[in-house]
Amino acid sequence: MRVYKELVRYVLENGVRKKTRTGVDTLSVFSYSYRVNLNDGYPLLTTKKMYFNSMLHELFWYLSGEEHIKEFRKKSKIWDAWANENGELETAYGRFWRRYPVPEVSLPGEVFVDETNKYTKREENGQLVFDQIGYIIGTLKEMKKNPELMNGRRLVVSAWHPANATISKLPPCHYTFAFCVLGNKLNCHLTQRSGDIALGIPFNLACYSLLTMMIAKECGYELGEFSHTIIDAHIYVNHIEGLKEQLEREEYPLPKIEINDKPFDELTFSDIRLIGYKSHPVIKFDVAV
């Protein structure tokens, strides 16, 4: 994809070398943004083989709301480095997507949802949680029925909890995203605090584009754009040669996605099909932990 190659070139040419907690230096730039039109095809990189199945299993793990990888690790090993032997994580994206903790005590003047809100539930440990994805889908459907609501600018999902992130082994990199409807088209913007351009960004692009497609289908919208801002966009120095090889490779036409006609929360791995994907061979990049 052209926009991905532009990102790689920009960081190679402008990145500042710096040390990291992983022990491997990066070339980093501040606040890089790009966008893709989802009507042009499914933005899965073709300049190297992408592990679509792993990405899809990861997306359904997010949507499950689980705070562990006990089931997910049977499908993919990509999160094993950050989990303990029981599959427990110090943080998990989907847990906050689907089960964001609601404060039990508020300050004067503050307001929070309670158990009467249809997007909340009381968990076994007594914690009240809020389903952000459920709220997004429900609100988008209401907007469809009531044109006066089409100006909605509060369709935001956060995976960031400051009191967790400051001490977590790996707090969320892609930590918040927002939806915007314009002209019956559903658009999504992802903000990411840290982005590994060789390994992580291609997965993030594919994951959130697919999520946007799934929600658009559920709520009856046409596809718009996916846009992405990466606050610290970086290339690990041991990834440079592999990315230079990708820059030399020809781009193939983008594939398509087919989604079965089922309610959003009933969709499973087998309901999503990748059609017409052709790519160059795998390029091996080491994971920095």
Protein backbone atom coordinates (compact mmCIF):
# COMPACT_ATOMS: atom_id res chain seq x y z
CA MET A 1 0.00 0.00 0.00
CA ARG A 2 1.22 3.45 -0.93
CA VAL A 3 0.43 5.06 2.45
CA TYR A 4 2.36 2.38 4.32
CA LYS A 5 5.40 2.78 2.08
CA GLU A 6 5.23 6.55 2.62
CA LEU A 7 5.24 5.97 6.38
CA VAL A 8 8.28 3.67 6.17
CA ARG A 9 10.19 6.10 3.95
CA TYR A 10 9.37 9.07 6.17
CA VAL A 11 10.66 7.38 9.32
CA LEU A 12 13.78 6.01 7.63
CA GLU A 13 14.61 9.50 6.35
CA ASN A 14 13.55 11.57 9.38
CA GLY A 15 13.67 9.28 12.39
CA VAL A 16 15.75 10.20 15.42
CA ARG A 17 17.67 7.31 16.92
CA LYS A 18 16.89 6.63 20.56
CA LYS A 19 17.28 3.92 23.16
CA THR A 20 14.26 1.94 24.39
CA ARG A 21 13.26 -0.22 27.35
CA THR A 22 13.64 -3.30 25.09
CA GLY A 23 17.38 -2.79 24.63
CA VAL A 24 16.99 -2.33 20.86
CA ASP A 25 17.26 1.21 19.52
CA THR A 26 14.61 2.76 17.28
CA LEU A 27 14.35 5.43 14.63
CA SER A 28 11.39 7.48 15.87
CA VAL A 29 9.26 10.37 14.64
CA PHE A 30 6.55 12.31 16.44
CA SER A 31 2.88 12.18 15.46
CA TYR A 32 2.57 10.61 12.04
CA SER A 33 -0.92 10.35 10.47
CA TYR A 34 -2.32 8.62 7.40
CA ARG A 35 -5.72 7.56 6.07
CA VAL A 36 -7.17 4.94 3.74
CA ASN A 37 -10.46 4.74 1.87
CA LEU A 38 -12.10 1.45 2.82
CA ASN A 39 -13.97 1.41 -0.49
CA ASP A 40 -10.66 0.82 -2.27
CA GLY A 41 -10.34 -2.66 -0.79
CA TYR A 42 -9.33 -4.25 2.47
CA PRO A 43 -6.00 -2.66 3.55
CA LEU A 44 -3.99 -5.81 4.23
CA LEU A 45 -0.34 -5.38 3.23
CA THR A 46 0.70 -7.23 0.08
CA THR A 47 4.43 -6.40 0.17
CA LYS A 48 4.85 -9.18 2.71
CA LYS A 49 2.61 -12.07 3.74
CA MET A 50 0.33 -11.06 6.57
CA TYR A 51 -0.94 -13.55 9.14
CA PHE A 52 -4.59 -12.66 8.69
CA ASN A 53 -5.87 -15.53 10.83
CA SER A 54 -3.83 -14.40 13.84
CA MET A 55 -5.12 -10.85 13.42
CA LEU A 56 -8.70 -12.07 13.17
CA HIS A 57 -8.39 -14.26 16.27
CA GLU A 58 -6.90 -11.27 18.08
CA LEU A 59 -9.83 -9.04 17.08
CA PHE A 60 -12.35 -11.58 18.35
CA TRP A 61 -10.33 -11.81 21.57
CA TYR A 62 -10.65 -8.04 21.98
CA LEU A 63 -14.39 -8.26 21.34
CA SER A 64 -14.78 -11.08 23.88
CA GLY A 65 -13.84 -8.67 26.69
CA GLU A 66 -11.58 -11.25 28.32
CA GLU A 67 -8.76 -9.94 30.49
CA HIS A 68 -6.64 -13.06 29.87
CA ILE A 69 -5.43 -15.14 26.90
CA LYS A 70 -6.33 -18.58 28.18
CA GLU A 71 -8.41 -19.33 25.08
CA PHE A 72 -6.74 -16.95 22.65
CA ARG A 73 -3.30 -18.50 23.13
CA LYS A 74 -4.70 -21.74 21.67
CA LYS A 75 -5.16 -19.86 18.39
CA SER A 76 -2.10 -17.59 18.35
CA LYS A 77 1.09 -17.05 20.35
CA ILE A 78 1.46 -13.32 19.64
CA TRP A 79 0.57 -12.26 23.22
CA ASP A 80 2.45 -14.99 25.10
CA ALA A 81 5.45 -12.76 25.85
CA TRP A 82 3.31 -10.47 28.03
CA ALA A 83 1.26 -13.09 29.89
CA ASN A 84 2.07 -15.26 32.88
CA GLU A 85 1.86 -19.05 32.88
CA ASN A 86 -1.88 -18.87 33.61
CA GLY A 87 -2.52 -16.64 30.61
CA GLU A 88 -3.18 -13.61 32.80
CA LEU A 89 -2.27 -10.10 31.62
CA GLU A 90 -1.71 -6.92 33.58
CA THR A 91 -3.95 -5.17 31.08
CA ALA A 92 -6.07 -6.16 28.08
CA TYR A 93 -7.63 -4.06 25.35
CA GLY A 94 -10.92 -5.93 25.10
CA ARG A 95 -11.50 -5.89 28.83
CA PHE A 96 -11.84 -2.10 28.68
CA TRP A 97 -13.66 -2.16 25.32
CA ARG A 98 -16.43 -4.33 26.77
CA ARG A 99 -16.03 -4.05 30.56
CA TYR A 100 -14.76 -0.60 31.50
CA PRO A 101 -14.89 -0.14 35.32
CA VAL A 102 -17.46 2.36 36.55
CA PRO A 103 -16.53 4.30 39.73
CA GLU A 104 -18.72 3.42 42.70
CA VAL A 105 -18.18 6.80 44.36
CA SER A 106 -18.23 10.14 42.59
CA LEU A 107 -17.24 13.67 43.53
CA PRO A 108 -19.86 16.42 43.85
CA GLY A 109 -21.10 17.34 40.40
CA GLU A 110 -19.80 14.22 38.67
CA VAL A 111 -22.17 11.80 36.98
CA PHE A 112 -21.69 8.17 35.98
CA VAL A 113 -23.99 5.48 34.61
CA ASP A 114 -25.61 3.08 37.06
CA GLU A 115 -27.19 -0.35 36.80
CA THR A 116 -30.25 1.08 35.04
CA ASN A 117 -28.13 1.85 31.97
CA LYS A 118 -28.57 -0.84 29.30
CA TYR A 119 -24.82 -0.97 28.59
CA THR A 120 -23.81 -1.81 32.16
CA LYS A 121 -23.65 -5.04 34.12
CA ARG A 122 -22.56 -6.07 37.60
CA GLU A 123 -19.75 -8.63 37.57
CA GLU A 124 -19.30 -11.49 40.02
CA ASN A 125 -16.79 -9.49 42.06
CA GLY A 126 -19.32 -6.68 42.44
CA GLN A 127 -17.68 -4.30 39.96
CA LEU A 128 -20.06 -2.35 37.71
CA VAL A 129 -18.73 -2.25 34.13
CA PHE A 130 -19.70 -0.42 30.94
CA ASP A 131 -19.76 -1.94 27.43
CA GLN A 132 -18.21 0.71 25.18
CA ILE A 133 -18.59 -1.31 21.97
CA GLY A 134 -22.23 -2.02 22.80
CA TYR A 135 -22.77 1.70 23.35
CA ILE A 136 -21.16 2.57 19.98
CA ILE A 137 -23.32 0.10 18.07
CA GLY A 138 -26.49 1.06 19.92
CA THR A 139 -25.88 4.76 19.37
CA LEU A 140 -25.09 4.31 15.68
CA LYS A 141 -28.37 2.46 15.24
CA GLU A 142 -30.26 5.24 17.02
CA MET A 143 -28.56 7.80 14.80
CA LYS A 144 -29.74 5.84 11.77
CA LYS A 145 -33.36 6.06 12.93
CA ASN A 146 -33.19 9.69 14.05
CA PRO A 147 -31.42 12.07 11.63
CA GLU A 148 -31.27 14.74 14.33
CA LEU A 149 -28.68 12.60 16.11
CA MET A 150 -26.40 12.39 13.07
CA ASN A 151 -24.11 15.04 14.52
CA GLY A 152 -22.99 12.62 17.24
CA ARG A 153 -19.39 13.35 18.21
CA ARG A 154 -19.17 11.18 21.31
CA LEU A 155 -18.56 7.80 19.68
CA VAL A 156 -15.30 7.19 21.52
CA VAL A 157 -13.80 3.96 22.87
CA SER A 158 -10.92 4.05 25.36
CA ALA A 159 -8.64 1.17 26.29
CA TRP A 160 -6.63 3.41 28.61
CA HIS A 161 -7.01 3.43 32.37
CA PRO A 162 -4.32 5.71 33.86
CA ALA A 163 -4.21 3.93 37.21
CA ASN A 164 -3.49 0.68 35.37
CA ALA A 165 -1.27 2.02 32.59
CA THR A 166 1.31 3.61 34.87
CA ILE A 167 2.32 0.24 36.32
CA SER A 168 1.25 -2.30 33.68
CA LYS A 169 3.90 -4.41 31.94
CA LEU A 170 2.49 -3.35 28.56
CA PRO A 171 -0.31 -0.75 28.65
CA PRO A 172 -2.34 -0.45 25.43
CA CYS A 173 -0.45 0.98 22.45
CA HIS A 174 -3.59 1.61 20.38
CA TYR A 175 -5.43 3.18 23.25
CA THR A 176 -8.43 5.08 21.87
CA PHE A 177 -10.55 5.21 18.73
CA ALA A 178 -13.56 7.20 17.61
CA PHE A 179 -16.25 6.88 14.96
CA CYS A 180 -17.74 9.63 12.83
CA VAL A 181 -20.68 9.43 10.41
CA LEU A 182 -20.63 11.72 7.38
CA GLY A 183 -23.05 11.32 4.49
CA ASN A 184 -24.14 7.87 5.72
CA LYS A 185 -20.50 6.71 5.69
CA LEU A 186 -18.89 5.32 8.82
CA ASN A 187 -15.36 6.54 9.48
CA CYS A 188 -12.96 5.49 12.23
CA HIS A 189 -9.92 7.24 13.70
CA LEU A 190 -7.38 5.39 15.84
CA THR A 191 -4.89 7.12 18.12
CA GLN A 192 -1.84 5.11 19.10
CA ARG A 193 0.78 6.15 21.66
CA SER A 194 3.47 3.87 20.24
CA GLY A 195 3.68 2.07 16.92
CA ASP A 196 6.15 -0.60 15.75
CA ILE A 197 6.02 0.05 12.01
CA ALA A 198 7.34 -3.31 10.85
CA LEU A 199 5.20 -5.59 13.02
CA GLY A 200 2.44 -3.73 14.85
CA ILE A 201 1.15 -1.08 12.46
CA PRO A 202 0.16 -3.50 9.65
CA PHE A 203 -1.85 -5.50 12.22
CA ASN A 204 -3.47 -2.35 13.66
CA LEU A 205 -4.43 -1.11 10.20
CA ALA A 206 -5.99 -4.45 9.28
CA CYS A 207 -7.71 -4.92 12.65
CA TYR A 208 -9.42 -1.55 12.99
CA SER A 209 -10.37 -1.43 9.31
CA LEU A 210 -12.11 -4.77 9.71
CA LEU A 211 -13.80 -3.67 12.94
CA THR A 212 -15.13 -0.59 11.10
CA MET A 213 -16.45 -2.82 8.32
CA MET A 214 -18.18 -5.09 10.82
CA ILE A 215 -19.84 -2.22 12.68
CA ALA A 216 -20.87 -0.47 9.45
CA LYS A 217 -22.57 -3.67 8.29
CA GLU A 218 -24.31 -4.17 11.63
CA CYS A 219 -25.63 -0.61 11.75
CA GLY A 220 -26.49 -0.12 8.08
CA TYR A 221 -23.83 2.40 7.03
CA GLU A 222 -21.66 2.64 3.96
CA LEU A 223 -17.89 2.44 4.33
CA GLY A 224 -15.90 5.62 4.75
CA GLU A 225 -12.27 6.01 5.80
CA PHE A 226 -9.94 4.63 8.41
CA SER A 227 -7.45 7.19 9.71
CA HIS A 228 -4.60 6.61 12.11
CA THR A 229 -2.36 8.83 14.23
CA ILE A 230 0.79 7.31 15.74
CA ILE A 231 2.33 9.50 18.44
CA ASP A 232 5.70 7.69 18.57
CA ALA A 233 6.05 6.03 15.17
CA HIS A 234 9.21 3.97 15.16
CA ILE A 235 11.32 1.43 13.34
CA TYR A 236 13.55 -0.86 15.38
CA VAL A 237 17.05 -0.74 13.96
CA ASN A 238 17.08 -4.50 13.41
CA HIS A 239 13.98 -4.09 11.18
CA ILE A 240 15.50 -1.55 8.81
CA GLU A 241 16.76 -3.96 6.15
CA GLY A 242 13.51 -5.91 6.03
CA LEU A 243 11.51 -2.73 5.56
CA LYS A 244 13.87 -1.54 2.82
CA GLU A 245 13.17 -4.83 1.05
CA GLN A 246 9.44 -4.19 1.32
CA LEU A 247 9.89 -0.78 -0.27
CA GLU A 248 11.35 -2.46 -3.35
CA ARG A 249 8.49 -4.92 -3.74
CA GLU A 250 5.60 -4.43 -6.15
CA GLU A 251 2.19 -3.84 -4.58
CA TYR A 252 -0.59 -6.26 -5.53
CA PRO A 253 -4.30 -5.32 -5.70
CA LEU A 254 -5.99 -5.17 -2.31
CA PRO A 255 -8.17 -8.10 -1.27
CA LYS A 256 -11.83 -7.97 -0.22
CA ILE A 257 -13.64 -8.96 2.96
CA GLU A 258 -16.91 -10.86 3.16
CA ILE A 259 -18.90 -10.86 6.42
CA ASN A 260 -21.80 -13.22 7.02
CA ASP A 261 -25.26 -11.78 7.68
CA LYS A 262 -25.34 -12.33 11.42
CA PRO A 263 -25.75 -10.02 14.43
CA PHE A 264 -22.45 -8.41 15.45
CA ASP A 265 -22.11 -10.23 18.77
CA GLU A 266 -22.85 -13.58 17.11
CA LEU A 267 -20.10 -13.30 14.52
CA THR A 268 -17.28 -15.84 14.84
CA PHE A 269 -13.97 -16.48 13.14
CA SER A 270 -15.58 -18.53 10.36
CA ASP A 271 -18.01 -15.70 9.49
CA ILE A 272 -15.21 -13.49 8.13
CA ARG A 273 -13.61 -14.38 4.80
CA LEU A 274 -10.58 -12.86 3.09
CA ILE A 275 -11.08 -12.88 -0.69
CA GLY A 276 -8.40 -12.53 -3.36
CA TYR A 277 -5.34 -11.99 -1.19
CA LYS A 278 -2.01 -12.17 -3.04
CA SER A 279 1.21 -11.17 -1.33
CA HIS A 280 4.98 -11.41 -1.44
CA PRO A 281 6.68 -13.87 0.94
CA VAL A 282 7.02 -13.43 4.68
CA ILE A 283 9.73 -11.11 6.02
CA LYS A 284 10.92 -12.19 9.44
CA PHE A 285 11.06 -9.41 12.05
CA ASP A 286 12.14 -10.06 15.63
CA VAL A 287 9.68 -9.03 18.34
CA ALA A 288 11.03 -6.50 20.85
CA VAL A 289 9.70 -7.41 24.30
